[in-house]
Structures are given as C-alpha cells and as structure tokens.
Amino acid sequence: MKALITTQVYENYAWREDGTMGTGPDSWWKPKGGDEYVVLNVDQDEVFEILEKVCHQIERNDDYIQESIIDLRIVEDDYLTEFERDQLEYDGKIEFPAKVIEWAR
C-alpha cells in the first residue's frame, strides 16, 4: 500500500513588482491548484504517523506561497493519480509522476 497526499497551493497576489506588499483590495491569496505526493510501503494504521513525519517536507507557508495538505488516502501500490492516468492516455507514458516522499518508521 502507499499513501497518497494531496495539497492545495495558494500564491500571494499582494506582492508588487517593487518588492513591497500591498494592502486592502490588492492583498489576496489566489488558489493555484496543488500537488500529489506518495509515501511508499505504508499500512492503513500508519496514517497519522505518516502525516506527522512528512508534513514538514510538503507544507510551506511564507510570504509568497502557502501549500497545505488537504487529503491523505491509503491506496493500492499500482494506483495512478488522475494526472498520471491522463499522461498515459494522451502521451502513452508518465513523464511527471507523483512526487515520492521518503519517511522512516
């Protein structure tokens, strides 16, 4: 089994070209999609342990970007993400697989 972790990314649209941060209506975070990560060789009962050990490798929160984990599922080893399946269907190969996160038990 493997853990499939899905994230949501937000980009700060308050930064101006001169490097200053705007305020008011020009200060907002725009959703920019997200990423998918996999953690290999896991068991169903390790979900919380996995999150605790790998979230620092995935999540980001600074003045420019916020990336947060929004979903974690345990899936079969041969599971392909929607993006991986689309690549196979349209390109015949997976050039951009889900990112693999290492963790130690």
N, C-alpha and C. Protein backbone atom coordinates (compact mmCIF):
# COMPACT_ATOMS: atom_id res chain seq x y z
N MET A 1 0.84 -1.18 0.00
CA MET A 1 0.00 0.00 0.00
C MET A 1 0.89 1.25 0.00
N LYS A 2 0.29 2.35 -0.45
CA LYS A 2 1.01 3.62 -0.40
C LYS A 2 0.03 4.70 0.03
N ALA A 3 0.59 5.75 0.60
CA ALA A 3 -0.23 6.90 1.00
C ALA A 3 -0.20 7.90 -0.14
N LEU A 4 -1.37 8.42 -0.48
CA LEU A 4 -1.49 9.47 -1.49
C LEU A 4 -1.87 10.75 -0.77
N ILE A 5 -1.01 11.74 -0.87
CA ILE A 5 -1.22 13.03 -0.19
C ILE A 5 -1.50 14.08 -1.25
N THR A 6 -2.60 14.83 -1.07
CA THR A 6 -2.98 15.89 -1.99
C THR A 6 -2.86 17.22 -1.27
N THR A 7 -2.36 18.23 -1.99
CA THR A 7 -2.18 19.55 -1.38
C THR A 7 -2.95 20.62 -2.16
N GLN A 8 -3.13 21.76 -1.52
CA GLN A 8 -3.67 22.95 -2.15
C GLN A 8 -2.61 24.03 -2.03
N VAL A 9 -2.35 24.71 -3.14
CA VAL A 9 -1.35 25.78 -3.18
C VAL A 9 -2.06 27.12 -3.39
N TYR A 10 -1.63 28.12 -2.64
CA TYR A 10 -2.10 29.49 -2.81
C TYR A 10 -0.90 30.38 -3.07
N GLU A 11 -1.05 31.32 -3.99
CA GLU A 11 0.00 32.28 -4.30
C GLU A 11 -0.43 33.66 -3.81
N ASN A 12 0.50 34.36 -3.19
CA ASN A 12 0.21 35.69 -2.66
C ASN A 12 0.20 36.70 -3.79
N TYR A 13 -0.94 37.31 -4.01
CA TYR A 13 -1.08 38.33 -5.04
C TYR A 13 -0.99 39.73 -4.46
N ALA A 14 -0.46 39.86 -3.26
CA ALA A 14 -0.31 41.17 -2.65
C ALA A 14 1.06 41.79 -2.94
N TRP A 15 2.00 40.97 -3.42
CA TRP A 15 3.34 41.48 -3.68
C TRP A 15 3.36 42.28 -4.97
N ARG A 16 3.98 43.43 -4.89
CA ARG A 16 4.10 44.30 -6.06
C ARG A 16 5.46 44.08 -6.71
N GLU A 17 5.60 44.56 -7.92
CA GLU A 17 6.85 44.39 -8.65
C GLU A 17 8.03 45.05 -7.94
N ASP A 18 7.78 46.08 -7.15
CA ASP A 18 8.88 46.74 -6.45
C ASP A 18 9.27 46.01 -5.16
N GLY A 19 8.63 44.86 -4.89
CA GLY A 19 9.00 44.05 -3.73
C GLY A 19 8.24 44.40 -2.46
N THR A 20 7.33 45.36 -2.52
CA THR A 20 6.54 45.70 -1.34
C THR A 20 5.24 44.92 -1.35
N MET A 21 4.67 44.78 -0.18
CA MET A 21 3.41 44.06 -0.08
C MET A 21 2.26 45.06 -0.08
N GLY A 22 1.27 44.79 -0.92
CA GLY A 22 0.10 45.65 -0.97
C GLY A 22 -0.83 45.38 0.19
N THR A 23 -1.75 46.25 0.41
CA THR A 23 -2.77 46.08 1.44
C THR A 23 -4.13 46.36 0.83
N GLY A 24 -5.17 46.00 1.54
CA GLY A 24 -6.51 46.27 1.05
C GLY A 24 -6.92 45.34 -0.07
N PRO A 25 -7.66 45.87 -1.06
CA PRO A 25 -8.22 45.03 -2.11
C PRO A 25 -7.17 44.31 -2.96
N ASP A 26 -5.94 44.85 -3.02
CA ASP A 26 -4.92 44.19 -3.84
C ASP A 26 -4.13 43.16 -3.04
N SER A 27 -4.61 42.82 -1.85
CA SER A 27 -3.93 41.85 -0.99
C SER A 27 -4.81 40.61 -0.86
N TRP A 28 -4.43 39.54 -1.60
CA TRP A 28 -5.22 38.31 -1.54
C TRP A 28 -4.39 37.12 -1.96
N TRP A 29 -4.85 35.93 -1.57
CA TRP A 29 -4.20 34.68 -1.90
C TRP A 29 -5.01 33.98 -2.98
N LYS A 30 -4.40 33.68 -4.11
CA LYS A 30 -5.09 33.05 -5.24
C LYS A 30 -4.82 31.55 -5.24
N PRO A 31 -5.88 30.72 -5.27
CA PRO A 31 -5.68 29.27 -5.37
C PRO A 31 -4.99 28.92 -6.70
N LYS A 32 -3.99 28.08 -6.63
CA LYS A 32 -3.20 27.72 -7.82
C LYS A 32 -3.16 26.21 -8.04
N GLY A 33 -4.16 25.50 -7.61
CA GLY A 33 -4.12 24.05 -7.76
C GLY A 33 -3.37 23.42 -6.61
N GLY A 34 -2.66 22.36 -6.88
CA GLY A 34 -1.91 21.68 -5.84
C GLY A 34 -1.05 20.59 -6.43
N ASP A 35 -0.51 19.76 -5.57
CA ASP A 35 0.35 18.67 -5.99
C ASP A 35 -0.12 17.38 -5.34
N GLU A 36 0.43 16.28 -5.86
CA GLU A 36 0.17 14.97 -5.28
C GLU A 36 1.50 14.32 -4.95
N TYR A 37 1.56 13.74 -3.77
CA TYR A 37 2.76 13.08 -3.28
C TYR A 37 2.39 11.67 -2.87
N VAL A 38 3.34 10.75 -2.95
CA VAL A 38 3.11 9.39 -2.47
C VAL A 38 4.19 9.02 -1.46
N VAL A 39 3.78 8.25 -0.48
CA VAL A 39 4.68 7.66 0.50
C VAL A 39 4.53 6.15 0.33
N LEU A 40 5.61 5.48 0.01
CA LEU A 40 5.58 4.05 -0.31
C LEU A 40 5.64 3.18 0.93
N ASN A 41 5.14 1.96 0.79
CA ASN A 41 5.24 0.91 1.82
C ASN A 41 4.64 1.33 3.15
N VAL A 42 3.36 1.62 3.15
CA VAL A 42 2.68 2.02 4.38
C VAL A 42 1.51 1.08 4.66
N ASP A 43 1.06 1.11 5.90
CA ASP A 43 -0.11 0.36 6.33
C ASP A 43 -1.20 1.35 6.71
N GLN A 44 -2.45 0.89 6.66
CA GLN A 44 -3.60 1.73 6.98
C GLN A 44 -3.47 2.38 8.36
N ASP A 45 -2.93 1.65 9.33
CA ASP A 45 -2.86 2.17 10.69
C ASP A 45 -1.71 3.17 10.90
N GLU A 46 -0.98 3.49 9.86
CA GLU A 46 0.14 4.43 9.99
C GLU A 46 -0.19 5.84 9.50
N VAL A 47 -1.45 6.11 9.19
CA VAL A 47 -1.84 7.38 8.57
C VAL A 47 -1.37 8.58 9.39
N PHE A 48 -1.68 8.62 10.67
CA PHE A 48 -1.31 9.78 11.49
C PHE A 48 0.20 9.89 11.68
N GLU A 49 0.86 8.75 11.81
CA GLU A 49 2.32 8.75 11.92
C GLU A 49 2.96 9.30 10.65
N ILE A 50 2.42 8.92 9.51
CA ILE A 50 2.93 9.42 8.23
C ILE A 50 2.80 10.94 8.17
N LEU A 51 1.60 11.43 8.47
CA LEU A 51 1.37 12.88 8.43
C LEU A 51 2.35 13.63 9.33
N GLU A 52 2.51 13.12 10.53
CA GLU A 52 3.41 13.76 11.49
C GLU A 52 4.84 13.82 10.98
N LYS A 53 5.29 12.77 10.31
CA LYS A 53 6.68 12.69 9.89
C LYS A 53 6.98 13.34 8.55
N VAL A 54 5.98 13.50 7.67
CA VAL A 54 6.28 14.04 6.33
C VAL A 54 5.70 15.42 6.06
N CYS A 55 4.83 15.92 6.92
CA CYS A 55 4.19 17.21 6.61
C CYS A 55 5.21 18.32 6.47
N HIS A 56 6.30 18.30 7.21
CA HIS A 56 7.32 19.35 7.09
C HIS A 56 8.04 19.31 5.75
N GLN A 57 8.00 18.15 5.06
CA GLN A 57 8.62 18.04 3.74
C GLN A 57 7.70 18.58 2.65
N ILE A 58 6.43 18.75 2.96
CA ILE A 58 5.43 19.11 1.95
C ILE A 58 4.89 20.53 2.17
N GLU A 59 4.42 20.79 3.38
CA GLU A 59 3.75 22.05 3.63
C GLU A 59 4.72 23.23 3.62
N ARG A 60 4.21 24.35 3.15
CA ARG A 60 5.01 25.57 3.06
C ARG A 60 4.11 26.75 3.38
N ASN A 61 4.65 27.70 4.13
CA ASN A 61 3.87 28.89 4.47
C ASN A 61 4.84 30.05 4.64
N ASP A 62 4.95 30.85 3.59
CA ASP A 62 5.80 32.03 3.67
C ASP A 62 5.07 33.21 3.04
N ASP A 63 5.77 34.29 2.80
CA ASP A 63 5.13 35.49 2.27
C ASP A 63 4.64 35.33 0.83
N TYR A 64 5.13 34.32 0.13
CA TYR A 64 4.82 34.18 -1.29
C TYR A 64 3.87 33.02 -1.62
N ILE A 65 4.07 31.89 -0.95
CA ILE A 65 3.34 30.65 -1.27
C ILE A 65 2.85 29.99 0.02
N GLN A 66 1.66 29.43 -0.05
CA GLN A 66 1.16 28.56 1.01
C GLN A 66 0.78 27.24 0.35
N GLU A 67 1.29 26.13 0.90
CA GLU A 67 0.91 24.81 0.43
C GLU A 67 0.52 23.99 1.65
N SER A 68 -0.70 23.46 1.63
CA SER A 68 -1.23 22.71 2.76
C SER A 68 -1.76 21.36 2.31
N ILE A 69 -1.62 20.38 3.17
CA ILE A 69 -2.19 19.06 2.91
C ILE A 69 -3.70 19.15 3.10
N ILE A 70 -4.45 18.69 2.08
CA ILE A 70 -5.91 18.72 2.18
C ILE A 70 -6.52 17.31 2.16
N ASP A 71 -5.72 16.30 1.80
CA ASP A 71 -6.25 14.94 1.76
C ASP A 71 -5.12 13.94 1.89
N LEU A 72 -5.40 12.84 2.56
CA LEU A 72 -4.46 11.72 2.68
C LEU A 72 -5.28 10.45 2.58
N ARG A 73 -4.91 9.59 1.64
CA ARG A 73 -5.60 8.31 1.46
C ARG A 73 -4.58 7.20 1.34
N ILE A 74 -4.95 6.02 1.78
CA ILE A 74 -4.14 4.83 1.57
C ILE A 74 -4.70 4.14 0.33
N VAL A 75 -3.83 3.90 -0.65
CA VAL A 75 -4.26 3.31 -1.93
C VAL A 75 -3.37 2.11 -2.25
N GLU A 76 -3.79 1.34 -3.23
CA GLU A 76 -3.01 0.19 -3.68
C GLU A 76 -1.70 0.65 -4.31
N ASP A 77 -0.70 -0.22 -4.30
CA ASP A 77 0.62 0.12 -4.86
C ASP A 77 0.56 0.49 -6.33
N ASP A 78 -0.38 -0.08 -7.06
CA ASP A 78 -0.46 0.20 -8.50
C ASP A 78 -1.39 1.38 -8.83
N TYR A 79 -1.88 2.08 -7.82
CA TYR A 79 -2.78 3.22 -8.04
C TYR A 79 -2.05 4.34 -8.79
N LEU A 80 -2.72 4.90 -9.78
CA LEU A 80 -2.20 6.05 -10.51
C LEU A 80 -3.08 7.25 -10.23
N THR A 81 -2.47 8.40 -10.06
CA THR A 81 -3.24 9.62 -9.86
C THR A 81 -3.96 9.96 -11.17
N GLU A 82 -4.92 10.86 -11.08
CA GLU A 82 -5.64 11.27 -12.29
C GLU A 82 -4.67 11.87 -13.32
N PHE A 83 -3.71 12.66 -12.86
CA PHE A 83 -2.73 13.26 -13.77
C PHE A 83 -1.87 12.19 -14.44
N GLU A 84 -1.48 11.17 -13.67
CA GLU A 84 -0.69 10.07 -14.25
C GLU A 84 -1.51 9.29 -15.28
N ARG A 85 -2.78 9.03 -14.97
CA ARG A 85 -3.65 8.33 -15.92
C ARG A 85 -3.84 9.15 -17.20
N ASP A 86 -4.01 10.46 -17.05
CA ASP A 86 -4.15 11.32 -18.23
C ASP A 86 -2.90 11.29 -19.10
N GLN A 87 -1.73 11.29 -18.48
CA GLN A 87 -0.49 11.22 -19.25
C GLN A 87 -0.41 9.93 -20.05
N LEU A 88 -0.78 8.81 -19.41
CA LEU A 88 -0.77 7.54 -20.11
C LEU A 88 -1.74 7.55 -21.29
N GLU A 89 -2.93 8.09 -21.05
CA GLU A 89 -3.94 8.11 -22.10
C GLU A 89 -3.53 8.99 -23.28
N TYR A 90 -3.00 10.18 -23.01
CA TYR A 90 -2.72 11.13 -24.08
C TYR A 90 -1.30 11.05 -24.64
N ASP A 91 -0.34 10.66 -23.80
CA ASP A 91 1.06 10.65 -24.23
C ASP A 91 1.65 9.24 -24.32
N GLY A 92 0.96 8.26 -23.76
CA GLY A 92 1.45 6.89 -23.80
C GLY A 92 2.50 6.58 -22.76
N LYS A 93 2.86 7.55 -21.92
CA LYS A 93 3.84 7.34 -20.85
C LYS A 93 3.66 8.40 -19.78
N ILE A 94 4.21 8.12 -18.61
CA ILE A 94 4.15 9.06 -17.49
C ILE A 94 5.48 9.78 -17.40
N GLU A 95 5.49 11.03 -17.75
CA GLU A 95 6.72 11.83 -17.66
C GLU A 95 6.81 12.58 -16.34
N PHE A 96 5.66 12.84 -15.70
CA PHE A 96 5.62 13.61 -14.47
C PHE A 96 4.84 12.84 -13.41
N PRO A 97 5.50 11.85 -12.78
CA PRO A 97 4.81 11.06 -11.75
C PRO A 97 4.61 11.87 -10.47
N ALA A 98 3.73 11.38 -9.61
CA ALA A 98 3.56 11.99 -8.29
C ALA A 98 4.91 11.96 -7.58
N LYS A 99 5.16 12.98 -6.78
CA LYS A 99 6.44 13.07 -6.07
C LYS A 99 6.46 12.05 -4.93
N VAL A 100 7.58 11.35 -4.79
CA VAL A 100 7.73 10.36 -3.73
C VAL A 100 8.39 11.01 -2.53
N ILE A 101 7.76 10.84 -1.37
CA ILE A 101 8.28 11.38 -0.11
C ILE A 101 8.86 10.22 0.69
N GLU A 102 10.06 10.39 1.18
CA GLU A 102 10.72 9.37 2.00
C GLU A 102 10.32 9.57 3.45
N TRP A 103 10.17 8.46 4.16
CA TRP A 103 9.90 8.54 5.60
C TRP A 103 10.50 7.33 6.29
N ALA A 104 10.85 7.52 7.53
CA ALA A 104 11.43 6.43 8.32
C ALA A 104 10.46 6.04 9.42
N ARG A 105 10.29 4.76 9.57
CA ARG A 105 9.39 4.27 10.62
C ARG A 105 10.02 4.46 11.97
